[in-house]
Amino acid sequence: SNAVQTLARIGGESARATLTAALSTETRVTVKAAMRQALAPR
């Protein structure tokens, strides 16, 4: 989840694409929540 937050903060649009792809296969609740939060519109 820390890695998700870091990637979202510094990775730009390519990170958003990476997180979107990873979200589709992620099964851990905590990590999924971090991904959803990172991808939520600001």
All heavy atoms as atom14 arrays in JSON, in Angstrom:
{
  "sequence": "SNAVQTLARIGGESARATLTAALSTETRVTVKAAMRQALAPR",
  "atom14_mask": [
    [1, 1, 1, 1, 1, 1, 0, 0, 0, 0, 0, 0, 0, 0],
    [1, 1, 1, 1, 1, 1, 1, 1, 0, 0, 0, 0, 0, 0],
    [1, 1, 1, 1, 1, 0, 0, 0, 0, 0, 0, 0, 0, 0],
    [1, 1, 1, 1, 1, 1, 1, 0, 0, 0, 0, 0, 0, 0],
    [1, 1, 1, 1, 1, 1, 1, 1, 1, 0, 0, 0, 0, 0],
    [1, 1, 1, 1, 1, 1, 1, 0, 0, 0, 0, 0, 0, 0],
    [1, 1, 1, 1, 1, 1, 1, 1, 0, 0, 0, 0, 0, 0],
    [1, 1, 1, 1, 1, 0, 0, 0, 0, 0, 0, 0, 0, 0],
    [1, 1, 1, 1, 1, 1, 1, 1, 1, 1, 1, 0, 0, 0],
    [1, 1, 1, 1, 1, 1, 1, 1, 0, 0, 0, 0, 0, 0],
    [1, 1, 1, 1, 0, 0, 0, 0, 0, 0, 0, 0, 0, 0],
    [1, 1, 1, 1, 0, 0, 0, 0, 0, 0, 0, 0, 0, 0],
    [1, 1, 1, 1, 1, 1, 1, 1, 1, 0, 0, 0, 0, 0],
    [1, 1, 1, 1, 1, 1, 0, 0, 0, 0, 0, 0, 0, 0],
    [1, 1, 1, 1, 1, 0, 0, 0, 0, 0, 0, 0, 0, 0],
    [1, 1, 1, 1, 1, 1, 1, 1, 1, 1, 1, 0, 0, 0],
    [1, 1, 1, 1, 1, 0, 0, 0, 0, 0, 0, 0, 0, 0],
    [1, 1, 1, 1, 1, 1, 1, 0, 0, 0, 0, 0, 0, 0],
    [1, 1, 1, 1, 1, 1, 1, 1, 0, 0, 0, 0, 0, 0],
    [1, 1, 1, 1, 1, 1, 1, 0, 0, 0, 0, 0, 0, 0],
    [1, 1, 1, 1, 1, 0, 0, 0, 0, 0, 0, 0, 0, 0],
    [1, 1, 1, 1, 1, 0, 0, 0, 0, 0, 0, 0, 0, 0],
    [1, 1, 1, 1, 1, 1, 1, 1, 0, 0, 0, 0, 0, 0],
    [1, 1, 1, 1, 1, 1, 0, 0, 0, 0, 0, 0, 0, 0],
    [1, 1, 1, 1, 1, 1, 1, 0, 0, 0, 0, 0, 0, 0],
    [1, 1, 1, 1, 1, 1, 1, 1, 1, 0, 0, 0, 0, 0],
    [1, 1, 1, 1, 1, 1, 1, 0, 0, 0, 0, 0, 0, 0],
    [1, 1, 1, 1, 1, 1, 1, 1, 1, 1, 1, 0, 0, 0],
    [1, 1, 1, 1, 1, 1, 1, 0, 0, 0, 0, 0, 0, 0],
    [1, 1, 1, 1, 1, 1, 1, 0, 0, 0, 0, 0, 0, 0],
    [1, 1, 1, 1, 1, 1, 1, 0, 0, 0, 0, 0, 0, 0],
    [1, 1, 1, 1, 1, 1, 1, 1, 1, 0, 0, 0, 0, 0],
    [1, 1, 1, 1, 1, 0, 0, 0, 0, 0, 0, 0, 0, 0],
    [1, 1, 1, 1, 1, 0, 0, 0, 0, 0, 0, 0, 0, 0],
    [1, 1, 1, 1, 1, 1, 1, 1, 0, 0, 0, 0, 0, 0],
    [1, 1, 1, 1, 1, 1, 1, 1, 1, 1, 1, 0, 0, 0],
    [1, 1, 1, 1, 1, 1, 1, 1, 1, 0, 0, 0, 0, 0],
    [1, 1, 1, 1, 1, 0, 0, 0, 0, 0, 0, 0, 0, 0],
    [1, 1, 1, 1, 1, 1, 1, 1, 0, 0, 0, 0, 0, 0],
    [1, 1, 1, 1, 1, 0, 0, 0, 0, 0, 0, 0, 0, 0],
    [1, 1, 1, 1, 1, 1, 1, 0, 0, 0, 0, 0, 0, 0],
    [1, 1, 1, 1, 1, 1, 1, 1, 1, 1, 1, 0, 0, 0]
  ],
  "atom14_positions": [
    [[0.84, -1.21, 0.0], [0.0, 0.0, 0.0], [0.87, 1.25, 0.0], [0.55, 2.25, -0.66], [-0.93, 0.0, 1.22], [-1.83, -1.07, 1.15], [0.0, 0.0, 0.0], [0.0, 0.0, 0.0], [0.0, 0.0, 0.0], [0.0, 0.0, 0.0], [0.0, 0.0, 0.0], [0.0, 0.0, 0.0], [0.0, 0.0, 0.0], [0.0, 0.0, 0.0]],
    [[1.98, 1.2, 0.71], [2.94, 2.3, 0.7], [3.5, 2.5, -0.7], [3.64, 3.63, -1.18], [4.05, 1.99, 1.71], [5.0, 3.13, 1.95], [5.0, 4.13, 1.25], [5.83, 2.98, 2.95], [0.0, 0.0, 0.0], [0.0, 0.0, 0.0], [0.0, 0.0, 0.0], [0.0, 0.0, 0.0], [0.0, 0.0, 0.0], [0.0, 0.0, 0.0]],
    [[3.8, 1.4, -1.38], [4.31, 1.48, -2.75], [3.25, 2.08, -3.68], [3.58, 2.89, -4.56], [4.71, 0.08, -3.23], [0.0, 0.0, 0.0], [0.0, 0.0, 0.0], [0.0, 0.0, 0.0], [0.0, 0.0, 0.0], [0.0, 0.0, 0.0], [0.0, 0.0, 0.0], [0.0, 0.0, 0.0], [0.0, 0.0, 0.0], [0.0, 0.0, 0.0]],
    [[1.99, 1.73, -3.47], [0.9, 2.31, -4.26], [0.87, 3.82, -4.08], [0.81, 4.58, -5.06], [-0.47, 1.7, -3.83], [-1.64, 2.51, -4.4], [-0.57, 0.25, -4.25], [0.0, 0.0, 0.0], [0.0, 0.0, 0.0], [0.0, 0.0, 0.0], [0.0, 0.0, 0.0], [0.0, 0.0, 0.0], [0.0, 0.0, 0.0], [0.0, 0.0, 0.0]],
    [[0.9, 4.27, -2.84], [0.85, 5.71, -2.56], [2.04, 6.44, -3.16], [1.91, 7.53, -3.72], [0.77, 5.94, -1.05], [-0.5, 5.43, -0.44], [-0.42, 5.26, 1.07], [0.63, 5.46, 1.68], [-1.53, 4.88, 1.68], [0.0, 0.0, 0.0], [0.0, 0.0, 0.0], [0.0, 0.0, 0.0], [0.0, 0.0, 0.0], [0.0, 0.0, 0.0]],
    [[3.21, 5.84, -3.05], [4.42, 6.44, -3.6], [4.31, 6.54, -5.12], [4.59, 7.58, -5.71], [5.67, 5.63, -3.21], [5.76, 5.61, -1.79], [6.92, 6.21, -3.81], [0.0, 0.0, 0.0], [0.0, 0.0, 0.0], [0.0, 0.0, 0.0], [0.0, 0.0, 0.0], [0.0, 0.0, 0.0], [0.0, 0.0, 0.0], [0.0, 0.0, 0.0]],
    [[3.9, 5.46, -5.74], [3.78, 5.44, -7.2], [2.76, 6.48, -7.67], [3.01, 7.21, -8.63], [3.4, 4.04, -7.67], [3.4, 3.8, -9.17], [4.76, 4.09, -9.76], [2.98, 2.37, -9.46], [0.0, 0.0, 0.0], [0.0, 0.0, 0.0], [0.0, 0.0, 0.0], [0.0, 0.0, 0.0], [0.0, 0.0, 0.0], [0.0, 0.0, 0.0]],
    [[1.65, 6.56, -6.98], [0.62, 7.54, -7.36], [1.14, 8.97, -7.22], [0.82, 9.84, -8.04], [-0.63, 7.35, -6.5], [0.0, 0.0, 0.0], [0.0, 0.0, 0.0], [0.0, 0.0, 0.0], [0.0, 0.0, 0.0], [0.0, 0.0, 0.0], [0.0, 0.0, 0.0], [0.0, 0.0, 0.0], [0.0, 0.0, 0.0], [0.0, 0.0, 0.0]],
    [[1.96, 9.21, -6.23], [2.46, 10.56, -5.97], [3.49, 11.01, -6.99], [3.51, 12.16, -7.39], [3.06, 10.62, -4.56], [3.56, 11.99, -4.14], [3.91, 12.04, -2.67], [4.94, 11.14, -2.24], [6.24, 11.42, -2.28], [6.66, 12.57, -2.73], [7.12, 10.53, -1.86], [0.0, 0.0, 0.0], [0.0, 0.0, 0.0], [0.0, 0.0, 0.0]],
    [[4.34, 10.09, -7.45], [5.46, 10.52, -8.3], [5.42, 9.98, -9.72], [6.2, 10.41, -10.56], [6.82, 10.12, -7.67], [6.96, 8.6, -7.59], [7.02, 10.8, -6.33], [8.34, 8.13, -7.21], [0.0, 0.0, 0.0], [0.0, 0.0, 0.0], [0.0, 0.0, 0.0], [0.0, 0.0, 0.0], [0.0, 0.0, 0.0], [0.0, 0.0, 0.0]],
    [[4.53, 9.06, -10.02], [4.6, 8.34, -11.29], [3.85, 8.92, -12.47], [4.02, 8.46, -13.59], [0.0, 0.0, 0.0], [0.0, 0.0, 0.0], [0.0, 0.0, 0.0], [0.0, 0.0, 0.0], [0.0, 0.0, 0.0], [0.0, 0.0, 0.0], [0.0, 0.0, 0.0], [0.0, 0.0, 0.0], [0.0, 0.0, 0.0], [0.0, 0.0, 0.0]],
    [[3.01, 9.91, -12.24], [2.29, 10.52, -13.35], [1.27, 9.6, -14.0], [0.77, 8.66, -13.37], [0.0, 0.0, 0.0], [0.0, 0.0, 0.0], [0.0, 0.0, 0.0], [0.0, 0.0, 0.0], [0.0, 0.0, 0.0], [0.0, 0.0, 0.0], [0.0, 0.0, 0.0], [0.0, 0.0, 0.0], [0.0, 0.0, 0.0], [0.0, 0.0, 0.0]],
    [[0.97, 9.89, -15.26], [-0.06, 9.13, -15.98], [0.31, 7.67, -16.19], [-0.56, 6.8, -16.17], [-0.38, 9.8, -17.32], [-1.2, 11.07, -17.17], [-2.52, 10.83, -16.42], [-3.26, 9.87, -16.75], [-2.81, 11.61, -15.5], [0.0, 0.0, 0.0], [0.0, 0.0, 0.0], [0.0, 0.0, 0.0], [0.0, 0.0, 0.0], [0.0, 0.0, 0.0]],
    [[1.57, 7.37, -16.41], [1.96, 5.97, -16.6], [1.72, 5.18, -15.31], [1.36, 4.0, -15.35], [3.41, 5.84, -17.06], [4.3, 6.32, -16.09], [0.0, 0.0, 0.0], [0.0, 0.0, 0.0], [0.0, 0.0, 0.0], [0.0, 0.0, 0.0], [0.0, 0.0, 0.0], [0.0, 0.0, 0.0], [0.0, 0.0, 0.0], [0.0, 0.0, 0.0]],
    [[1.9, 5.84, -14.17], [1.62, 5.17, -12.89], [0.14, 4.89, -12.75], [-0.25, 3.84, -12.25], [2.12, 6.02, -11.73], [0.0, 0.0, 0.0], [0.0, 0.0, 0.0], [0.0, 0.0, 0.0], [0.0, 0.0, 0.0], [0.0, 0.0, 0.0], [0.0, 0.0, 0.0], [0.0, 0.0, 0.0], [0.0, 0.0, 0.0], [0.0, 0.0, 0.0]],
    [[-0.69, 5.83, -13.18], [-2.14, 5.61, -13.13], [-2.52, 4.38, -13.96], [-3.33, 3.56, -13.54], [-2.9, 6.83, -13.6], [-2.84, 7.99, -12.64], [-3.72, 9.15, -13.09], [-5.15, 8.82, -13.1], [-5.92, 8.73, -12.01], [-5.41, 8.95, -10.82], [-7.2, 8.45, -12.13], [0.0, 0.0, 0.0], [0.0, 0.0, 0.0], [0.0, 0.0, 0.0]],
    [[-1.91, 4.24, -15.12], [-2.19, 3.08, -15.97], [-1.72, 1.79, -15.29], [-2.42, 0.78, -15.31], [-1.52, 3.25, -17.33], [0.0, 0.0, 0.0], [0.0, 0.0, 0.0], [0.0, 0.0, 0.0], [0.0, 0.0, 0.0], [0.0, 0.0, 0.0], [0.0, 0.0, 0.0], [0.0, 0.0, 0.0], [0.0, 0.0, 0.0], [0.0, 0.0, 0.0]],
    [[-0.55, 1.85, -14.68], [-0.02, 0.68, -13.96], [-0.93, 0.3, -12.8], [-1.25, -0.88, -12.61], [1.4, 0.98, -13.44], [2.26, 1.25, -14.55], [1.95, -0.17, -12.62], [0.0, 0.0, 0.0], [0.0, 0.0, 0.0], [0.0, 0.0, 0.0], [0.0, 0.0, 0.0], [0.0, 0.0, 0.0], [0.0, 0.0, 0.0], [0.0, 0.0, 0.0]],
    [[-1.37, 1.3, -12.03], [-2.26, 1.03, -10.9], [-3.62, 0.51, -11.36], [-4.18, -0.39, -10.73], [-2.42, 2.28, -10.04], [-1.18, 2.69, -9.26], [-1.38, 4.06, -8.62], [-0.83, 1.65, -8.21], [0.0, 0.0, 0.0], [0.0, 0.0, 0.0], [0.0, 0.0, 0.0], [0.0, 0.0, 0.0], [0.0, 0.0, 0.0], [0.0, 0.0, 0.0]],
    [[-4.13, 1.04, -12.44], [-5.41, 0.57, -12.97], [-5.32, -0.89, -13.37], [-6.21, -1.69, -13.06], [-5.85, 1.44, -14.17], [-6.01, 2.79, -13.72], [-7.15, 0.96, -14.77], [0.0, 0.0, 0.0], [0.0, 0.0, 0.0], [0.0, 0.0, 0.0], [0.0, 0.0, 0.0], [0.0, 0.0, 0.0], [0.0, 0.0, 0.0], [0.0, 0.0, 0.0]],
    [[-4.24, -1.25, -14.04], [-4.04, -2.65, -14.44], [-3.87, -3.55, -13.22], [-4.45, -4.65, -13.16], [-2.84, -2.76, -15.37], [0.0, 0.0, 0.0], [0.0, 0.0, 0.0], [0.0, 0.0, 0.0], [0.0, 0.0, 0.0], [0.0, 0.0, 0.0], [0.0, 0.0, 0.0], [0.0, 0.0, 0.0], [0.0, 0.0, 0.0], [0.0, 0.0, 0.0]],
    [[-3.11, -3.1, -12.25], [-2.87, -3.9, -11.05], [-4.15, -4.07, -10.22], [-4.36, -5.12, -9.62], [-1.78, -3.26, -10.19], [0.0, 0.0, 0.0], [0.0, 0.0, 0.0], [0.0, 0.0, 0.0], [0.0, 0.0, 0.0], [0.0, 0.0, 0.0], [0.0, 0.0, 0.0], [0.0, 0.0, 0.0], [0.0, 0.0, 0.0], [0.0, 0.0, 0.0]],
    [[-5.0, -3.06, -10.23], [-6.25, -3.13, -9.47], [-7.14, -4.27, -9.96], [-7.82, -4.92, -9.16], [-6.99, -1.79, -9.56], [-8.33, -1.69, -8.85], [-8.16, -1.91, -7.35], [-8.97, -0.33, -9.11], [0.0, 0.0, 0.0], [0.0, 0.0, 0.0], [0.0, 0.0, 0.0], [0.0, 0.0, 0.0], [0.0, 0.0, 0.0], [0.0, 0.0, 0.0]],
    [[-7.1, -4.55, -11.25], [-7.97, -5.59, -11.8], [-7.6, -7.0, -11.31], [-8.44, -7.9, -11.37], [-7.96, -5.54, -13.32], [-6.7, -5.91, -13.82], [0.0, 0.0, 0.0], [0.0, 0.0, 0.0], [0.0, 0.0, 0.0], [0.0, 0.0, 0.0], [0.0, 0.0, 0.0], [0.0, 0.0, 0.0], [0.0, 0.0, 0.0], [0.0, 0.0, 0.0]],
    [[-6.38, -7.18, -10.82], [-5.98, -8.51, -10.36], [-5.67, -8.56, -8.86], [-5.46, -9.64, -8.32], [-4.72, -9.0, -11.12], [-3.66, -8.07, -10.91], [-5.01, -9.14, -12.61], [0.0, 0.0, 0.0], [0.0, 0.0, 0.0], [0.0, 0.0, 0.0], [0.0, 0.0, 0.0], [0.0, 0.0, 0.0], [0.0, 0.0, 0.0], [0.0, 0.0, 0.0]],
    [[-5.65, -7.41, -8.21], [-5.32, -7.36, -6.77], [-6.44, -7.99, -5.95], [-7.61, -7.74, -6.2], [-5.11, -5.91, -6.34], [-4.73, -5.75, -4.88], [-3.46, -6.5, -4.52], [-2.41, -6.24, -5.12], [-3.54, -7.37, -3.61], [0.0, 0.0, 0.0], [0.0, 0.0, 0.0], [0.0, 0.0, 0.0], [0.0, 0.0, 0.0], [0.0, 0.0, 0.0]],
    [[-6.07, -8.81, -4.96], [-7.06, -9.48, -4.13], [-7.04, -9.01, -2.67], [-7.99, -9.25, -1.94], [-6.85, -11.0, -4.15], [-5.54, -11.31, -3.68], [-7.04, -11.55, -5.57], [0.0, 0.0, 0.0], [0.0, 0.0, 0.0], [0.0, 0.0, 0.0], [0.0, 0.0, 0.0], [0.0, 0.0, 0.0], [0.0, 0.0, 0.0], [0.0, 0.0, 0.0]],
    [[-5.97, -8.37, -2.25], [-5.85, -7.94, -0.86], [-6.65, -6.65, -0.63], [-6.46, -5.66, -1.34], [-4.39, -7.74, -0.49], [-3.59, -9.04, -0.62], [-2.13, -8.83, -0.57], [-1.71, -8.03, -1.73], [-0.48, -7.59, -1.92], [0.45, -7.82, -1.02], [-0.16, -6.9, -2.99], [0.0, 0.0, 0.0], [0.0, 0.0, 0.0], [0.0, 0.0, 0.0]],
    [[-7.51, -6.68, 0.36], [-8.42, -5.57, 0.63], [-7.67, -4.26, 0.88], [-8.02, -3.21, 0.33], [-9.34, -5.91, 1.83], [-10.18, -4.72, 2.24], [-10.2, -7.11, 1.5], [0.0, 0.0, 0.0], [0.0, 0.0, 0.0], [0.0, 0.0, 0.0], [0.0, 0.0, 0.0], [0.0, 0.0, 0.0], [0.0, 0.0, 0.0], [0.0, 0.0, 0.0]],
    [[-6.64, -4.31, 1.69], [-5.88, -3.11, 2.04], [-5.23, -2.49, 0.8], [-5.27, -1.27, 0.62], [-4.79, -3.46, 3.07], [-5.39, -4.09, 4.19], [-4.02, -2.24, 3.52], [0.0, 0.0, 0.0], [0.0, 0.0, 0.0], [0.0, 0.0, 0.0], [0.0, 0.0, 0.0], [0.0, 0.0, 0.0], [0.0, 0.0, 0.0], [0.0, 0.0, 0.0]],
    [[-4.65, -3.31, -0.02], [-3.96, -2.81, -1.22], [-4.97, -2.3, -2.24], [-4.76, -1.25, -2.86], [-3.04, -3.9, -1.81], [-2.3, -3.37, -3.04], [-2.06, -4.4, -0.76], [0.0, 0.0, 0.0], [0.0, 0.0, 0.0], [0.0, 0.0, 0.0], [0.0, 0.0, 0.0], [0.0, 0.0, 0.0], [0.0, 0.0, 0.0], [0.0, 0.0, 0.0]],
    [[-6.09, -3.01, -2.39], [-7.14, -2.55, -3.3], [-7.66, -1.18, -2.87], [-7.87, -0.29, -3.71], [-8.31, -3.55, -3.34], [-8.1, -4.7, -4.25], [-9.34, -5.58, -4.27], [-9.95, -5.4, -5.62], [-10.79, -6.49, -6.05], [0.0, 0.0, 0.0], [0.0, 0.0, 0.0], [0.0, 0.0, 0.0], [0.0, 0.0, 0.0], [0.0, 0.0, 0.0]],
    [[-7.85, -1.0, -1.59], [-8.34, 0.29, -1.08], [-7.33, 1.39, -1.38], [-7.7, 2.5, -1.78], [-8.61, 0.2, 0.41], [0.0, 0.0, 0.0], [0.0, 0.0, 0.0], [0.0, 0.0, 0.0], [0.0, 0.0, 0.0], [0.0, 0.0, 0.0], [0.0, 0.0, 0.0], [0.0, 0.0, 0.0], [0.0, 0.0, 0.0], [0.0, 0.0, 0.0]],
    [[-6.05, 1.1, -1.2], [-5.0, 2.1, -1.5], [-5.01, 2.43, -2.98], [-4.86, 3.6, -3.37], [-3.64, 1.58, -1.07], [0.0, 0.0, 0.0], [0.0, 0.0, 0.0], [0.0, 0.0, 0.0], [0.0, 0.0, 0.0], [0.0, 0.0, 0.0], [0.0, 0.0, 0.0], [0.0, 0.0, 0.0], [0.0, 0.0, 0.0], [0.0, 0.0, 0.0]],
    [[-5.19, 1.44, -3.82], [-5.24, 1.68, -5.27], [-6.45, 2.52, -5.66], [-6.34, 3.46, -6.45], [-5.25, 0.35, -6.03], [-3.94, -0.37, -5.98], [-4.05, -1.98, -6.81], [-2.34, -2.5, -6.78], [0.0, 0.0, 0.0], [0.0, 0.0, 0.0], [0.0, 0.0, 0.0], [0.0, 0.0, 0.0], [0.0, 0.0, 0.0], [0.0, 0.0, 0.0]],
    [[-7.59, 2.17, -5.1], [-8.8, 2.96, -5.4], [-8.66, 4.4, -4.96], [-9.05, 5.33, -5.66], [-10.02, 2.3, -4.75], [-10.45, 1.04, -5.45], [-11.78, 0.53, -4.9], [-12.16, -0.69, -5.59], [-12.29, -1.87, -5.0], [-12.1, -2.0, -3.7], [-12.63, -2.92, -5.7], [0.0, 0.0, 0.0], [0.0, 0.0, 0.0], [0.0, 0.0, 0.0]],
    [[-8.08, 4.59, -3.79], [-7.86, 5.96, -3.29], [-6.89, 6.71, -4.19], [-7.1, 7.87, -4.5], [-7.35, 5.92, -1.86], [-7.13, 7.31, -1.27], [-6.65, 7.25, 0.17], [-6.4, 6.19, 0.71], [-6.5, 8.4, 0.77], [0.0, 0.0, 0.0], [0.0, 0.0, 0.0], [0.0, 0.0, 0.0], [0.0, 0.0, 0.0], [0.0, 0.0, 0.0]],
    [[-5.83, 6.05, -4.6], [-4.83, 6.67, -5.47], [-5.41, 7.05, -6.83], [-5.0, 8.05, -7.43], [-3.63, 5.76, -5.64], [0.0, 0.0, 0.0], [0.0, 0.0, 0.0], [0.0, 0.0, 0.0], [0.0, 0.0, 0.0], [0.0, 0.0, 0.0], [0.0, 0.0, 0.0], [0.0, 0.0, 0.0], [0.0, 0.0, 0.0], [0.0, 0.0, 0.0]],
    [[-6.35, 6.26, -7.3], [-6.95, 6.5, -8.62], [-8.18, 7.39, -8.58], [-8.68, 7.8, -9.63], [-7.31, 5.16, -9.26], [-6.11, 4.28, -9.63], [-6.57, 2.86, -9.99], [-5.31, 4.91, -10.77], [0.0, 0.0, 0.0], [0.0, 0.0, 0.0], [0.0, 0.0, 0.0], [0.0, 0.0, 0.0], [0.0, 0.0, 0.0], [0.0, 0.0, 0.0]],
    [[-8.67, 7.71, -7.4], [-9.86, 8.54, -7.27], [-9.6, 9.95, -7.83], [-8.5, 10.48, -7.68], [-10.29, 8.64, -5.81], [0.0, 0.0, 0.0], [0.0, 0.0, 0.0], [0.0, 0.0, 0.0], [0.0, 0.0, 0.0], [0.0, 0.0, 0.0], [0.0, 0.0, 0.0], [0.0, 0.0, 0.0], [0.0, 0.0, 0.0], [0.0, 0.0, 0.0]],
    [[-10.59, 10.53, -8.46], [-10.42, 11.89, -8.98], [-10.13, 12.87, -7.84], [-10.68, 12.73, -6.75], [-11.77, 12.22, -9.63], [-12.48, 10.92, -9.76], [-11.9, 9.98, -8.75], [0.0, 0.0, 0.0], [0.0, 0.0, 0.0], [0.0, 0.0, 0.0], [0.0, 0.0, 0.0], [0.0, 0.0, 0.0], [0.0, 0.0, 0.0], [0.0, 0.0, 0.0]],
    [[-9.26, 13.79, -8.11], [-8.9, 14.82, -7.12], [-9.81, 16.02, -7.3], [-10.03, 16.46, -8.42], [-7.45, 15.25, -7.31], [-6.45, 14.12, -7.28], [-6.04, 13.82, -5.85], [-5.01, 12.79, -5.86], [-5.07, 11.74, -5.09], [-6.05, 11.56, -4.26], [-4.11, 10.83, -5.11], [0.0, 0.0, 0.0], [0.0, 0.0, 0.0], [0.0, 0.0, 0.0]]
  ]
}
